[in-house]
C-alpha atoms as a PDB file:
ATOM      1  CA  MET A   1      -0.037   0.046   0.013  1.00  0.00           C
ATOM      2  CA  PRO A   2       1.342   3.447  -0.956  1.00  0.00           C
ATOM      3  CA  LYS A   3       1.944   5.901   1.781  1.00  0.00           C
ATOM      4  CA  GLN A   4      -0.639   8.714   1.956  1.00  0.00           C
ATOM      5  CA  PRO A   5       0.564  12.203   2.740  1.00  0.00           C
ATOM      6  CA  LYS A   6      -0.109  13.431   6.151  1.00  0.00           C
ATOM      7  CA  GLN A   7      -3.027  15.873   6.285  1.00  0.00           C
ATOM      8  CA  ASN A   8      -2.323  18.500   8.885  1.00  0.00           C
ATOM      9  CA  ALA A   9      -3.588  22.054   9.202  1.00  0.00           C
ATOM     10  CA  GLN A  10      -0.207  23.576   8.328  1.00  0.00           C
ATOM     11  CA  TYR A  11       0.536  24.704   4.775  1.00  0.00           C
ATOM     12  CA  ASP A  12       2.916  22.501   2.767  1.00  0.00           C
ATOM     13  CA  ALA A  13       4.935  24.651   0.323  1.00  0.00           C
ATOM     14  CA  SER A  14       5.932  21.597  -1.772  1.00  0.00           C
ATOM     15  CA  GLN A  15       2.319  21.353  -3.078  1.00  0.00           C
ATOM     16  CA  THR A  16       2.202  24.972  -4.514  1.00  0.00           C
ATOM     17  CA  ASP A  17       2.020  25.202  -8.313  1.00  0.00           C
ATOM     18  CA  ALA A  18       4.290  28.147  -8.976  1.00  0.00           C
ATOM     19  CA  LYS A  19       3.067  28.526 -12.604  1.00  0.00           C
ATOM     20  CA  LYS A  20      -0.560  28.834 -11.466  1.00  0.00           C
ATOM     21  CA  VAL A  21       0.321  31.410  -8.776  1.00  0.00           C
ATOM     22  CA  ARG A  22       2.287  33.564 -11.330  1.00  0.00           C
ATOM     23  CA  GLN A  23      -0.723  33.356 -13.724  1.00  0.00           C
ATOM     24  CA  GLN A  24      -3.102  34.415 -10.968  1.00  0.00           C
ATOM     25  CA  ASN A  25      -0.778  37.298  -9.919  1.00  0.00           C
ATOM     26  CA  ALA A  26      -0.578  38.444 -13.567  1.00  0.00           C
ATOM     27  CA  GLN A  27      -4.366  38.387 -13.978  1.00  0.00           C
ATOM     28  CA  SER A  28      -4.865  40.249 -10.716  1.00  0.00           C
ATOM     29  CA  ALA A  29      -2.298  42.971 -11.699  1.00  0.00           C
ATOM     30  CA  MET A  30      -3.880  43.331 -15.143  1.00  0.00           C
ATOM     31  CA  GLN A  31      -7.380  43.666 -13.644  1.00  0.00           C
ATOM     32  CA  GLN A  32      -6.100  46.248 -11.019  1.00  0.00           C
ATOM     33  CA  SER A  33      -4.380  48.118 -13.804  1.00  0.00           C
ATOM     34  CA  MET A  34      -7.599  48.291 -15.881  1.00  0.00           C
ATOM     35  CA  ASN A  35      -9.613  49.489 -12.904  1.00  0.00           C
ATOM     36  CA  GLU A  36      -7.062  52.245 -12.152  1.00  0.00           C
ATOM     37  CA  GLU A  37      -6.917  53.279 -15.744  1.00  0.00           C
ATOM     38  CA  PHE A  38     -10.676  53.531 -16.023  1.00  0.00           C
ATOM     39  CA  ALA A  39     -11.015  55.400 -12.707  1.00  0.00           C
ATOM     40  CA  SER A  40      -8.308  57.860 -13.662  1.00  0.00           C
ATOM     41  CA  GLU A  41     -10.004  58.693 -16.946  1.00  0.00           C
ATOM     42  CA  THR A  42     -13.395  59.259 -15.449  1.00  0.00           C
ATOM     43  CA  ASP A  43     -14.280  62.627 -13.940  1.00  0.00           C
ATOM     44  CA  VAL A  44     -17.253  61.882 -11.638  1.00  0.00           C
ATOM     45  CA  ASN A  45     -18.346  65.504 -11.397  1.00  0.00           C
ATOM     46  CA  GLN A  46     -18.351  65.884 -15.200  1.00  0.00           C
ATOM     47  CA  VAL A  47     -20.381  62.704 -15.529  1.00  0.00           C
ATOM     48  CA  ARG A  48     -22.916  64.121 -13.004  1.00  0.00           C
ATOM     49  CA  GLN A  49     -23.061  67.372 -14.784  1.00  0.00           C
ATOM     50  CA  GLN A  50     -23.634  65.581 -18.117  1.00  0.00           C
ATOM     51  CA  ASN A  51     -26.385  63.495 -16.629  1.00  0.00           C
ATOM     52  CA  ALA A  52     -28.018  66.628 -15.137  1.00  0.00           C
ATOM     53  CA  GLN A  53     -27.810  68.371 -18.510  1.00  0.00           C
ATOM     54  CA  SER A  54     -29.308  65.315 -20.293  1.00  0.00           C
ATOM     55  CA  ALA A  55     -32.216  65.150 -17.814  1.00  0.00           C
ATOM     56  CA  MET A  56     -32.899  68.885 -18.383  1.00  0.00           C
ATOM     57  CA  ASN A  57     -32.821  68.396 -22.200  1.00  0.00           C
ATOM     58  CA  MET A  58     -35.203  65.553 -21.911  1.00  0.00           C
ATOM     59  CA  GLN A  59     -37.684  67.657 -19.776  1.00  0.00           C
ATOM     60  CA  SER A  60     -37.383  70.588 -22.287  1.00  0.00           C
ATOM     61  CA  ALA A  61     -38.021  68.294 -25.283  1.00  0.00           C
ATOM     62  CA  SER A  62     -41.003  66.692 -23.449  1.00  0.00           C
ATOM     63  CA  ALA A  63     -42.427  70.164 -22.698  1.00  0.00           C
ATOM     64  CA  GLN A  64     -41.930  71.244 -26.269  1.00  0.00           C
ATOM     65  CA  SER A  65     -43.636  68.006 -27.610  1.00  0.00           C
ATOM     66  CA  SER A  66     -46.559  68.663 -25.272  1.00  0.00           C
ATOM     67  CA  MET A  67     -46.943  72.213 -26.430  1.00  0.00           C
ATOM     68  CA  ASN A  68     -46.946  71.031 -30.086  1.00  0.00           C
ATOM     69  CA  GLU A  69     -49.475  68.369 -29.359  1.00  0.00           C
ATOM     70  CA  GLU A  70     -51.718  70.831 -27.534  1.00  0.00           C
ATOM     71  CA  TYR A  71     -51.531  73.344 -30.401  1.00  0.00           C
ATOM     72  CA  ALA A  72     -52.270  70.701 -32.924  1.00  0.00           C
ATOM     73  CA  SER A  73     -55.203  69.376 -31.015  1.00  0.00           C
ATOM     74  CA  GLU A  74     -56.675  72.871 -31.023  1.00  0.00           C
ATOM     75  CA  THR A  75     -56.287  73.464 -34.785  1.00  0.00           C
ATOM     76  CA  ASP A  76     -59.079  72.339 -37.084  1.00  0.00           C
ATOM     77  CA  VAL A  77     -57.345  71.713 -40.380  1.00  0.00           C
ATOM     78  CA  ASN A  78     -60.494  71.763 -42.470  1.00  0.00           C
ATOM     79  CA  GLU A  79     -61.493  75.187 -40.944  1.00  0.00           C
ATOM     80  CA  VAL A  80     -58.042  76.525 -41.838  1.00  0.00           C
ATOM     81  CA  LYS A  81     -58.357  75.268 -45.459  1.00  0.00           C
ATOM     82  CA  ARG A  82     -61.808  76.845 -45.674  1.00  0.00           C
ATOM     83  CA  GLN A  83     -60.511  80.158 -44.407  1.00  0.00           C
ATOM     84  CA  ILE A  84     -57.669  80.015 -46.928  1.00  0.00           C
ATOM     85  CA  GLN A  85     -60.076  79.364 -49.786  1.00  0.00           C
ATOM     86  CA  GLN A  86     -62.315  82.249 -48.748  1.00  0.00           C
ATOM     87  CA  ALA A  87     -59.336  84.662 -48.580  1.00  0.00           C
ATOM     88  CA  GLU A  88     -58.204  83.565 -52.152  1.00  0.00           C
ATOM     89  CA  ALA A  89     -61.707  83.948 -53.431  1.00  0.00           C
ATOM     90  CA  LYS A  90     -61.941  87.517 -51.930  1.00  0.00           C
ATOM     91  CA  LYS A  91     -58.497  88.316 -53.606  1.00  0.00           C
ATOM     92  CA  LYS A  92     -59.747  87.106 -56.943  1.00  0.00           C
ATOM     93  CA  ASN A  93     -62.961  89.098 -56.540  1.00  0.00           C
ATOM     94  CA  ALA A  94     -61.096  92.195 -55.502  1.00  0.00           C
ATOM     95  CA  SER A  95     -58.583  91.797 -58.371  1.00  0.00           C
ATOM     96  CA  SER A  96     -61.271  91.309 -61.012  1.00  0.00           C
ATOM     97  CA  THR A  97     -63.383  94.226 -59.662  1.00  0.00           C
ATOM     98  CA  SER A  98     -60.421  96.546 -59.765  1.00  0.00           C
ATOM     99  CA  MET A  99     -59.588  95.441 -63.278  1.00  0.00           C
ATOM    100  CA  ASN A 100     -63.132  96.129 -64.415  1.00  0.00           C
ATOM    101  CA  GLN A 101     -63.074  99.547 -62.858  1.00  0.00           C
ATOM    102  CA  ASN A 102     -59.715 100.382 -64.497  1.00  0.00           C
ATOM    103  CA  LYS A 103     -61.084  99.393 -67.993  1.00  0.00           C
ATOM    104  CA  GLY A 104     -63.943 101.871 -67.751  1.00  0.00           C
ATOM    105  CA  SER A 105     -61.723 104.781 -66.797  1.00  0.00           C
ATOM    106  CA  TYR A 106     -59.562 104.891 -69.980  1.00  0.00           C
END
């Protein structure tokens, strides 16, 4: 029967995989470097200011859209078309009347 290693609470350095430890250390260093780089490039106050500006722009756009909808809902398109036709008819009548008056005065 082969001997079984003793299992005690103390750490046995001969069982450490050096290659694995180096790899873990490299990954940890890379992750820390990425976190530091990201944090150093981010200005928290600028991000907050941009968020506030964006919120204000959204509110402004929403208010403008609401005003346009309200205006459009109060406008009767057919009534406007009728008024335009009446105005054009009056212009034609006025134009033809003045032309007829001018013919008789020569």
